[in-house]
Amino acid sequence: MKPSQLRAKAAKTLSQLLKQEGSLASLLQRGDNAQDQQSFPLLQEIIFGTCRWYFQLDAILVQLLSKPLKAKDNDIRCLLLIGIYQLHHLRVPEYAVVNETVGATKLLKKEWAKGLTNAILRGFLREQDTLVENALKKPQGKYAHPRWFIKRLQAAWPTQWQQALEQNNLRPPMTLRVNTLKCSRDAFLESLANAGIGARAGQLAATSVYLDHACPVHELPGFDDGVFSVQDEASQLIPDLMELGSGQRLLDACAAPGGKTCHILESGQDFVSVLALDNDARRLERLHENLERLQLSALVKTGDAGDPSQWWDGEPFDRILLDAPCSATGIIRRHPDIKLLRQDADIPKLQAIQAQLLKTLWTCLAPGGLLLYSTCSVLPEENNSIVAQFLRLHPDAKVEGISALWGVECPTGRQLLPQADGNDGFFYARLRKSKDALASAPLESSTALENSQ
């Protein structure tokens, strides 16, 4: 697409995000024609970058506007933000940024904004140092995060909140998980070196590999053959934490798109069954694709983990993974639109979902079984607080500590915060069910696993 078209599309997409009409994953798609595909990396860079620095950019923009724009002109406001982002963060010639951003006003059918856009961007170029200095005086501008999240992080991590915010603004590393059923990590690193691709072994998970530079997966040796997958190192800790073994029945309760399910299967254990469950049939298509590429097999069902009558045959599971829906505040650097989409009021709603899922799935766990509760959140309200509340209500549940050198020890588990050139933010808690606990009775309306999709 032409440069002005690209800016107009970026402004429309950002405007849709601010109106909660989708996420970057759903709104930002590669075009079908070659021209659109060629310009996609720049489009992605502009939108992702503007989301990453949105609150700082907005603190700059308000200084340049004599009065706020009307709500119906939010697309123009977004156009101004992406223009400032390009001038401040990208190595694009200033004249090109100004000209093409001004030209985008016509494509947005708002030519009246041509003069305003030109004046705002040129005003930024004249007063850049002063504008940025003023923006940094407020927490939102300094840390480029919403105020509600800064406050929660300060309360949760008094000595680490600033570092966590700074990590969120960095570009994430590209991390791979080696399929050790097909290749050792050392052998895979050697194949990367032979292909001239710089990489290093991770420190937390024995399957993790970090690339020096991100690149398309098909440019790496072995992807189509199932030698590796893309997965953050923090989530690669799951198989070891679950104490997997042959003869177990296992449930991955919120499985899509399947990275954790596949890693569990790559452990090489002779499981009785592995059920991968998710309530999003579209996302489960990705899980099927991953299983096929990796040449793995699991029972896959579409169903609500909070309603076992839809999918459970009443036979208890020895291991359950509950990677619960959460604020995703531990993976902001990978999904910077979380800064715009997530609201403070969402946290209590998510807590209710997490608590209910944990309570319900506990009934599906066999006496003596282990449930691993995990989130990609850095907020204790979704992590330690949820598990602590559950323990108070369930005397047959006991926390099994995680003895490790990584993360921060919490009363009920262990928290990882985002690390530069390292892992994302994750929380883990291991819950063991008492051996003398009464097994739950089968649900009358349940469907046998053998009838799974």
Protein backbone atom coordinates (compact mmCIF):
# COMPACT_ATOMS: atom_id res chain seq x y z
CA MET A 1 0.00 0.00 0.00
CA LYS A 2 1.06 3.60 -0.50
CA PRO A 3 2.70 5.45 2.42
CA SER A 4 -0.33 7.65 3.08
CA GLN A 5 -2.63 4.60 2.92
CA LEU A 6 -0.44 2.86 5.47
CA ARG A 7 -0.73 5.82 7.88
CA ALA A 8 -4.50 5.96 7.42
CA LYS A 9 -4.83 2.25 8.08
CA ALA A 10 -2.66 2.54 11.19
CA ALA A 11 -4.84 5.40 12.48
CA LYS A 12 -8.06 3.44 11.85
CA THR A 13 -6.67 0.36 13.61
CA LEU A 14 -5.54 2.34 16.64
CA SER A 15 -8.93 4.06 16.78
CA GLN A 16 -10.66 0.66 16.77
CA LEU A 17 -8.44 -0.49 19.63
CA LEU A 18 -9.32 2.55 21.71
CA LYS A 19 -13.01 1.83 21.11
CA GLN A 20 -12.48 -1.76 22.35
CA GLU A 21 -13.47 -3.18 18.96
CA GLY A 22 -10.77 -5.84 18.94
CA SER A 23 -7.12 -6.56 19.67
CA LEU A 24 -4.06 -6.23 17.47
CA ALA A 25 -4.23 -9.98 16.89
CA SER A 26 -7.72 -9.66 15.41
CA LEU A 27 -7.46 -6.25 13.74
CA LEU A 28 -4.00 -6.37 12.20
CA GLN A 29 -3.84 -8.88 9.36
CA ARG A 30 -1.46 -9.24 6.45
CA GLY A 31 -2.98 -8.27 3.11
CA ASP A 32 -3.43 -10.74 0.27
CA ASN A 33 -1.52 -8.87 -2.41
CA ALA A 34 2.25 -8.59 -2.61
CA GLN A 35 2.27 -4.82 -2.08
CA ASP A 36 0.34 -5.06 1.17
CA GLN A 37 2.55 -7.88 2.43
CA GLN A 38 5.67 -5.86 1.61
CA SER A 39 4.45 -2.85 3.60
CA PHE A 40 3.09 -4.93 6.51
CA PRO A 41 6.29 -4.82 8.65
CA LEU A 42 6.23 -1.01 8.70
CA LEU A 43 2.50 -0.97 9.43
CA GLN A 44 3.05 -3.40 12.29
CA GLU A 45 5.97 -1.39 13.63
CA ILE A 46 3.98 1.85 13.64
CA ILE A 47 0.92 0.37 15.36
CA PHE A 48 2.81 -1.75 17.88
CA GLY A 49 5.16 1.13 18.65
CA THR A 50 2.36 3.64 19.10
CA CYS A 51 0.60 1.25 21.49
CA ARG A 52 3.85 0.66 23.38
CA TRP A 53 4.43 4.38 23.91
CA TYR A 54 0.81 5.51 23.77
CA PHE A 55 0.59 7.17 27.18
CA GLN A 56 3.81 9.08 26.63
CA LEU A 57 2.78 10.12 23.13
CA ASP A 58 -0.60 11.26 24.43
CA ALA A 59 1.11 13.34 27.14
CA ILE A 60 3.02 15.07 24.33
CA LEU A 61 -0.01 15.55 22.09
CA VAL A 62 -2.16 17.29 24.73
CA GLN A 63 0.50 19.99 24.96
CA LEU A 64 0.26 20.66 21.23
CA LEU A 65 -3.53 20.79 20.95
CA SER A 66 -5.20 24.09 21.82
CA LYS A 67 -8.37 22.15 22.67
CA PRO A 68 -9.31 18.45 22.76
CA LEU A 69 -10.57 16.86 19.56
CA LYS A 70 -14.17 15.72 19.41
CA ALA A 71 -14.92 12.04 20.01
CA LYS A 72 -16.01 11.59 16.39
CA ASP A 73 -12.52 12.66 15.31
CA ASN A 74 -10.68 10.01 17.30
CA ASP A 75 -9.15 8.73 14.05
CA ILE A 76 -7.43 12.10 13.56
CA ARG A 77 -6.17 12.02 17.13
CA CYS A 78 -4.75 8.56 16.43
CA LEU A 79 -3.19 9.82 13.21
CA LEU A 80 -1.42 12.56 15.17
CA LEU A 81 -0.16 10.02 17.71
CA ILE A 82 1.32 7.74 15.04
CA GLY A 83 2.92 10.77 13.41
CA ILE A 84 4.60 11.79 16.68
CA TYR A 85 5.69 8.19 17.24
CA GLN A 86 7.42 8.07 13.86
CA LEU A 87 9.18 11.38 14.40
CA HIS A 88 10.31 10.48 17.90
CA HIS A 89 11.15 6.77 17.58
CA LEU A 90 11.71 5.78 13.94
CA ARG A 91 14.44 6.54 11.47
CA VAL A 92 12.07 7.79 8.82
CA PRO A 93 12.89 11.12 7.12
CA GLU A 94 10.97 13.89 8.84
CA TYR A 95 9.59 15.34 5.62
CA ALA A 96 8.23 11.93 4.62
CA VAL A 97 6.50 11.44 7.97
CA VAL A 98 4.88 14.88 7.83
CA ASN A 99 3.85 14.70 4.18
CA GLU A 100 2.43 11.18 4.27
CA THR A 101 0.65 11.69 7.60
CA VAL A 102 -0.93 14.89 6.31
CA GLY A 103 -1.90 13.03 3.14
CA ALA A 104 -3.67 10.39 5.21
CA THR A 105 -6.28 12.96 6.33
CA LYS A 106 -7.81 12.84 2.85
CA LEU A 107 -8.05 9.06 2.97
CA LEU A 108 -9.81 9.36 6.33
CA LYS A 109 -12.25 11.76 4.58
CA LYS A 110 -11.27 14.59 6.89
CA GLU A 111 -9.36 17.06 4.76
CA TRP A 112 -10.21 19.79 7.26
CA ALA A 113 -7.53 18.19 9.48
CA LYS A 114 -4.78 18.69 6.91
CA GLY A 115 -3.62 22.01 8.34
CA LEU A 116 -3.98 20.81 11.94
CA THR A 117 -1.89 17.69 11.28
CA ASN A 118 0.83 19.68 9.55
CA ALA A 119 0.94 22.24 12.39
CA ILE A 120 1.01 19.61 15.17
CA LEU A 121 3.82 17.56 13.64
CA ARG A 122 5.94 20.58 12.77
CA GLY A 123 5.28 21.97 16.24
CA PHE A 124 6.59 18.73 17.71
CA LEU A 125 9.77 18.99 15.62
CA ARG A 126 10.37 22.54 16.84
CA GLU A 127 9.73 21.90 20.53
CA GLN A 128 10.55 18.22 20.84
CA ASP A 129 12.92 18.42 23.81
CA THR A 130 10.62 20.60 25.91
CA LEU A 131 7.51 18.58 25.04
CA VAL A 132 9.16 15.29 25.99
CA GLU A 133 10.59 16.76 29.19
CA ASN A 134 7.12 17.93 30.25
CA ALA A 135 5.55 14.56 29.36
CA LEU A 136 8.03 12.76 31.59
CA LYS A 137 6.91 14.74 34.65
CA LYS A 138 3.78 12.57 34.99
CA PRO A 139 3.95 8.83 35.74
CA GLN A 140 1.90 7.90 32.66
CA GLY A 141 4.25 9.82 30.42
CA LYS A 142 7.42 8.71 32.15
CA TYR A 143 6.62 4.99 32.21
CA ALA A 144 4.23 4.85 29.23
CA HIS A 145 1.61 2.83 31.14
CA PRO A 146 -1.91 3.60 32.38
CA ARG A 147 -2.03 5.15 35.81
CA TRP A 148 -4.17 2.37 37.33
CA PHE A 149 -1.59 -0.25 36.41
CA ILE A 150 1.32 1.80 37.73
CA LYS A 151 -0.47 2.11 41.08
CA ARG A 152 -1.20 -1.61 41.32
CA LEU A 153 2.37 -2.50 40.41
CA GLN A 154 3.79 -0.07 42.97
CA ALA A 155 1.68 -1.67 45.68
CA ALA A 156 2.54 -5.22 44.60
CA TRP A 157 6.27 -4.82 43.99
CA PRO A 158 7.61 -1.82 46.00
CA THR A 159 11.24 -2.40 44.99
CA GLN A 160 10.73 -3.84 41.50
CA TRP A 161 7.84 -1.94 39.92
CA GLN A 162 9.99 0.52 37.99
CA GLN A 163 12.11 -2.21 36.46
CA ALA A 164 9.00 -4.17 35.52
CA LEU A 165 7.52 -1.15 33.72
CA GLU A 166 10.77 -0.52 31.89
CA GLN A 167 10.94 -4.15 30.77
CA ASN A 168 7.42 -3.87 29.38
CA ASN A 169 8.57 -1.11 27.03
CA LEU A 170 11.38 -3.19 25.54
CA ARG A 171 11.04 -5.38 22.47
CA PRO A 172 10.74 -9.02 23.53
CA PRO A 173 13.26 -11.66 22.48
CA MET A 174 12.24 -14.43 20.12
CA THR A 175 12.28 -17.61 22.18
CA LEU A 176 12.03 -21.17 20.90
CA ARG A 177 11.17 -24.50 22.52
CA VAL A 178 13.12 -27.47 21.22
CA ASN A 179 11.13 -30.66 20.69
CA THR A 180 13.46 -33.08 22.46
CA LEU A 181 11.59 -36.05 21.00
CA LYS A 182 13.21 -35.10 17.71
CA CYS A 183 16.37 -33.19 18.59
CA SER A 184 18.50 -32.23 21.58
CA ARG A 185 18.93 -28.57 22.40
CA ASP A 186 22.68 -28.76 21.74
CA ALA A 187 22.09 -30.31 18.33
CA PHE A 188 19.51 -27.65 17.49
CA LEU A 189 21.87 -24.84 18.52
CA GLU A 190 24.52 -26.41 16.30
CA SER A 191 22.11 -26.48 13.35
CA LEU A 192 21.32 -22.78 13.91
CA ALA A 193 25.03 -21.96 14.04
CA ASN A 194 25.61 -23.87 10.80
CA ALA A 195 22.86 -21.79 9.21
CA GLY A 196 24.54 -18.59 10.37
CA ILE A 197 21.82 -17.82 12.94
CA GLY A 198 22.97 -16.49 16.30
CA ALA A 199 21.31 -18.12 19.32
CA ARG A 200 21.92 -19.09 22.93
CA ALA A 201 20.51 -21.58 25.42
CA GLY A 202 18.02 -20.33 28.01
CA GLN A 203 18.76 -20.54 31.73
CA LEU A 204 15.40 -21.60 33.22
CA ALA A 205 14.08 -24.35 30.95
CA ALA A 206 16.20 -27.11 29.40
CA THR A 207 14.27 -26.79 26.13
CA SER A 208 14.60 -23.02 25.65
CA VAL A 209 16.63 -21.21 22.99
CA TYR A 210 16.90 -17.45 22.46
CA LEU A 211 17.60 -16.03 19.01
CA ASP A 212 19.91 -13.06 18.70
CA HIS A 213 17.50 -11.56 16.16
CA ALA A 214 13.87 -12.37 15.46
CA CYS A 215 13.06 -13.84 12.06
CA PRO A 216 10.25 -15.74 10.31
CA VAL A 217 10.03 -19.32 11.61
CA HIS A 218 10.27 -20.80 8.13
CA GLU A 219 13.75 -19.33 7.80
CA LEU A 220 14.90 -21.54 10.69
CA PRO A 221 15.96 -25.16 10.19
CA GLY A 222 13.43 -27.80 11.23
CA PHE A 223 10.20 -25.86 11.77
CA ASP A 224 8.09 -27.77 9.26
CA ASP A 225 9.52 -31.03 10.64
CA GLY A 226 8.40 -30.19 14.17
CA VAL A 227 11.89 -29.71 15.60
CA PHE A 228 10.93 -26.55 17.50
CA SER A 229 8.09 -24.18 18.35
CA VAL A 230 7.91 -20.54 19.38
CA GLN A 231 7.23 -20.23 23.12
CA ASP A 232 8.41 -17.95 25.90
CA GLU A 233 10.81 -19.56 28.36
CA ALA A 234 8.59 -18.92 31.40
CA SER A 235 5.80 -21.11 30.05
CA GLN A 236 8.33 -23.83 29.19
CA LEU A 237 8.63 -24.52 32.93
CA ILE A 238 5.22 -26.22 33.06
CA PRO A 239 6.12 -29.90 32.38
CA ASP A 240 8.68 -30.02 35.18
CA LEU A 241 6.32 -28.28 37.61
CA MET A 242 3.58 -30.82 36.89
CA GLU A 243 5.67 -33.88 37.81
CA LEU A 244 4.54 -35.78 34.73
CA GLY A 245 4.69 -39.55 34.60
CA SER A 246 3.48 -42.53 32.62
CA GLY A 247 -0.01 -43.84 33.34
CA GLN A 248 -1.46 -40.42 34.15
CA ARG A 249 -4.72 -38.88 32.93
CA LEU A 250 -4.07 -35.23 32.20
CA LEU A 251 -6.24 -32.16 31.51
CA ASP A 252 -5.08 -28.90 29.98
CA ALA A 253 -8.13 -26.83 30.86
CA CYS A 254 -7.55 -23.64 28.82
CA ALA A 255 -5.41 -25.16 26.12
CA ALA A 256 -5.60 -23.08 22.93
CA PRO A 257 -3.51 -22.38 20.94
CA GLY A 258 -1.74 -25.46 22.25
CA GLY A 259 1.85 -24.57 23.10
CA LYS A 260 1.63 -25.97 26.61
CA THR A 261 -0.30 -29.07 25.55
CA CYS A 262 2.30 -29.88 22.92
CA HIS A 263 5.17 -29.34 25.35
CA ILE A 264 3.53 -31.73 27.81
CA LEU A 265 3.25 -34.34 25.06
CA GLU A 266 6.88 -33.74 24.08
CA SER A 267 7.89 -34.94 27.56
CA GLY A 268 7.68 -38.46 26.12
CA GLN A 269 5.60 -39.89 28.97
CA ASP A 270 3.17 -42.73 28.25
CA PHE A 271 0.00 -40.96 29.36
CA VAL A 272 -3.32 -42.79 29.57
CA SER A 273 -4.92 -39.69 28.02
CA VAL A 274 -4.32 -35.99 27.52
CA LEU A 275 -7.42 -33.82 27.10
CA ALA A 276 -6.91 -30.36 25.61
CA LEU A 277 -9.96 -28.21 26.36
CA ASP A 278 -10.87 -24.67 25.33
CA ASN A 279 -14.08 -22.71 24.84
CA ASP A 280 -12.85 -21.04 21.62
CA ALA A 281 -13.27 -23.38 18.63
CA ARG A 282 -11.43 -20.96 16.34
CA ARG A 283 -8.33 -20.91 18.54
CA LEU A 284 -8.46 -24.71 18.82
CA GLU A 285 -7.80 -24.84 15.07
CA ARG A 286 -4.31 -23.58 15.90
CA LEU A 287 -3.95 -26.37 18.44
CA HIS A 288 -4.83 -28.97 15.82
CA GLU A 289 -2.29 -27.42 13.45
CA ASN A 290 0.41 -27.54 16.12
CA LEU A 291 -0.35 -31.17 16.96
CA GLU A 292 -0.16 -32.11 13.28
CA ARG A 293 3.12 -30.28 12.64
CA LEU A 294 4.72 -31.78 15.76
CA GLN A 295 3.27 -35.25 15.02
CA LEU A 296 1.60 -35.45 18.43
CA SER A 297 -1.81 -36.67 19.52
CA ALA A 298 -4.30 -35.53 22.15
CA LEU A 299 -8.04 -35.53 22.76
CA VAL A 300 -9.31 -32.07 21.82
CA LYS A 301 -12.67 -30.72 22.92
CA THR A 302 -14.49 -27.40 22.69
CA GLY A 303 -16.07 -26.67 26.04
CA ASP A 304 -16.26 -24.39 29.04
CA ALA A 305 -13.79 -25.48 31.71
CA GLY A 306 -16.16 -24.00 34.27
CA ASP A 307 -18.93 -26.42 33.24
CA PRO A 308 -17.60 -30.01 33.37
CA SER A 309 -21.03 -31.36 32.40
CA GLN A 310 -20.13 -30.36 28.82
CA TRP A 311 -17.03 -32.51 28.56
CA TRP A 312 -16.15 -34.60 31.65
CA ASP A 313 -16.89 -38.34 31.89
CA GLY A 314 -16.46 -38.31 35.66
CA GLU A 315 -13.13 -40.15 35.64
CA PRO A 316 -10.75 -37.97 37.70
CA PHE A 317 -7.51 -36.57 36.32
CA ASP A 318 -4.11 -37.15 37.90
CA ARG A 319 -2.80 -33.82 36.63
CA ILE A 320 -4.64 -30.63 35.71
CA LEU A 321 -3.12 -27.52 34.17
CA LEU A 322 -5.21 -24.39 34.74
CA ASP A 323 -3.57 -21.62 32.76
CA ALA A 324 -6.30 -19.23 33.81
CA PRO A 325 -7.70 -16.27 31.86
CA CYS A 326 -6.02 -13.18 33.26
CA SER A 327 -5.02 -9.55 32.67
CA ALA A 328 -1.97 -10.71 30.65
CA THR A 329 0.05 -7.96 32.35
CA GLY A 330 3.13 -10.18 32.28
CA ILE A 331 3.28 -10.21 28.48
CA ILE A 332 2.69 -6.53 27.69
CA ARG A 333 5.98 -6.26 25.80
CA ARG A 334 4.68 -8.89 23.33
CA HIS A 335 1.17 -7.44 23.22
CA PRO A 336 1.44 -3.69 23.88
CA ASP A 337 -2.24 -3.21 23.04
CA ILE A 338 -2.93 -4.65 26.51
CA LYS A 339 -2.09 -1.17 27.80
CA LEU A 340 -5.09 0.19 25.90
CA LEU A 341 -7.49 -2.74 26.19
CA ARG A 342 -7.17 -3.66 29.86
CA GLN A 343 -8.96 -1.53 32.45
CA ASP A 344 -8.73 -1.44 36.24
CA ALA A 345 -12.36 -2.60 36.48
CA ASP A 346 -11.41 -5.80 34.62
CA ILE A 347 -9.36 -7.17 37.51
CA PRO A 348 -12.25 -8.04 39.89
CA LYS A 349 -14.12 -9.66 36.97
CA LEU A 350 -11.09 -11.78 36.12
CA GLN A 351 -10.64 -12.71 39.77
CA ALA A 352 -14.17 -14.08 39.85
CA ILE A 353 -13.50 -16.21 36.75
CA GLN A 354 -10.21 -17.49 38.13
CA ALA A 355 -11.69 -18.42 41.49
CA GLN A 356 -14.63 -20.21 39.88
CA LEU A 357 -12.45 -22.19 37.47
CA LEU A 358 -10.11 -23.26 40.26
CA LYS A 359 -13.04 -24.34 42.45
CA THR A 360 -14.74 -26.27 39.62
CA LEU A 361 -11.70 -28.02 38.24
CA TRP A 362 -10.66 -29.12 41.72
CA THR A 363 -13.65 -31.49 41.65
CA CYS A 364 -12.15 -33.13 38.54
CA LEU A 365 -8.79 -33.87 40.23
CA ALA A 366 -8.10 -37.33 41.63
CA PRO A 367 -7.16 -37.77 45.32
CA GLY A 368 -3.38 -37.36 45.49
CA GLY A 369 -3.41 -35.51 42.16
CA LEU A 370 -1.65 -32.23 41.33
CA LEU A 371 -3.20 -29.08 39.88
CA LEU A 372 -0.88 -26.41 38.47
CA TYR A 373 -2.42 -22.93 38.56
CA SER A 374 -0.70 -20.43 36.28
CA THR A 375 -1.27 -16.98 34.81
CA CYS A 376 0.72 -14.56 32.67
CA SER A 377 -0.14 -11.79 35.13
CA VAL A 378 2.16 -9.90 37.49
CA LEU A 379 -0.68 -8.81 39.80
CA PRO A 380 -0.98 -10.67 43.14
CA GLU A 381 -4.74 -10.14 43.03
CA GLU A 382 -4.90 -12.72 40.24
CA ASN A 383 -2.22 -14.99 41.62
CA ASN A 384 -1.36 -15.38 45.28
CA SER A 385 -4.69 -13.92 46.44
CA ILE A 386 -6.75 -16.34 44.33
CA VAL A 387 -4.82 -19.38 45.54
CA ALA A 388 -4.85 -18.22 49.20
CA GLN A 389 -8.62 -17.73 49.07
CA PHE A 390 -9.03 -21.19 47.53
CA LEU A 391 -6.93 -22.82 50.25
CA ARG A 392 -9.05 -21.26 52.99
CA LEU A 393 -12.14 -22.87 51.49
CA HIS A 394 -10.65 -26.27 50.62
CA PRO A 395 -9.00 -28.14 53.51
CA ASP A 396 -8.19 -31.02 51.14
CA ALA A 397 -5.79 -28.76 49.20
CA LYS A 398 -2.16 -28.18 50.10
CA VAL A 399 0.47 -26.01 48.44
CA GLU A 400 3.57 -27.80 47.27
CA GLY A 401 6.45 -25.36 47.25
CA ILE A 402 8.51 -24.65 44.15
CA SER A 403 12.19 -24.98 44.93
CA ALA A 404 13.93 -22.91 42.27
CA LEU A 405 16.45 -20.15 41.71
CA TRP A 406 14.14 -18.27 39.35
CA GLY A 407 11.47 -15.74 40.22
CA VAL A 408 10.21 -14.42 43.53
CA GLU A 409 8.89 -16.76 46.20
CA CYS A 410 5.30 -16.00 47.24
CA PRO A 411 3.24 -17.58 50.06
CA THR A 412 1.41 -19.86 47.60
CA GLY A 413 3.75 -20.10 44.62
CA ARG A 414 6.41 -18.36 42.60
CA GLN A 415 6.29 -15.19 40.48
CA LEU A 416 8.42 -14.36 37.46
CA LEU A 417 8.66 -10.72 36.40
CA PRO A 418 9.61 -9.74 32.83
CA GLN A 419 13.35 -9.79 32.20
CA ALA A 420 15.32 -8.01 29.48
CA ASP A 421 16.42 -10.59 26.91
CA GLY A 422 14.72 -13.20 29.09
CA ASN A 423 11.40 -14.54 30.28
CA ASP A 424 7.96 -12.95 30.37
CA GLY A 425 5.99 -12.42 33.57
CA PHE A 426 4.32 -15.61 34.89
CA PHE A 427 2.95 -16.99 38.15
CA TYR A 428 2.84 -20.65 39.22
CA ALA A 429 1.24 -22.43 42.18
CA ARG A 430 1.21 -26.20 42.71
CA LEU A 431 -1.79 -27.59 44.59
CA ARG A 432 -1.86 -31.19 45.82
CA LYS A 433 -5.15 -32.89 46.66
CA SER A 434 -5.20 -34.94 49.83
CA LYS A 435 -5.00 -38.69 49.20
CA ASP A 436 -7.91 -39.32 51.53
CA ALA A 437 -10.13 -36.72 49.82
CA LEU A 438 -13.43 -38.06 48.52
CA ALA A 439 -13.47 -38.55 44.76
CA SER A 440 -16.15 -36.53 42.96
CA ALA A 441 -19.08 -38.44 41.50
CA PRO A 442 -19.47 -38.50 37.71
CA LEU A 443 -21.73 -35.81 36.34
CA GLU A 444 -24.97 -37.20 34.90
CA SER A 445 -24.88 -34.93 31.85
CA SER A 446 -21.23 -35.44 31.03
CA THR A 447 -20.02 -36.78 27.70
CA ALA A 448 -17.41 -39.52 27.43
CA LEU A 449 -13.94 -38.42 26.41
CA GLU A 450 -13.99 -41.05 23.70
CA ASN A 451 -16.59 -38.97 21.87
CA SER A 452 -14.31 -35.92 21.81
CA GLN A 453 -13.65 -34.06 18.64
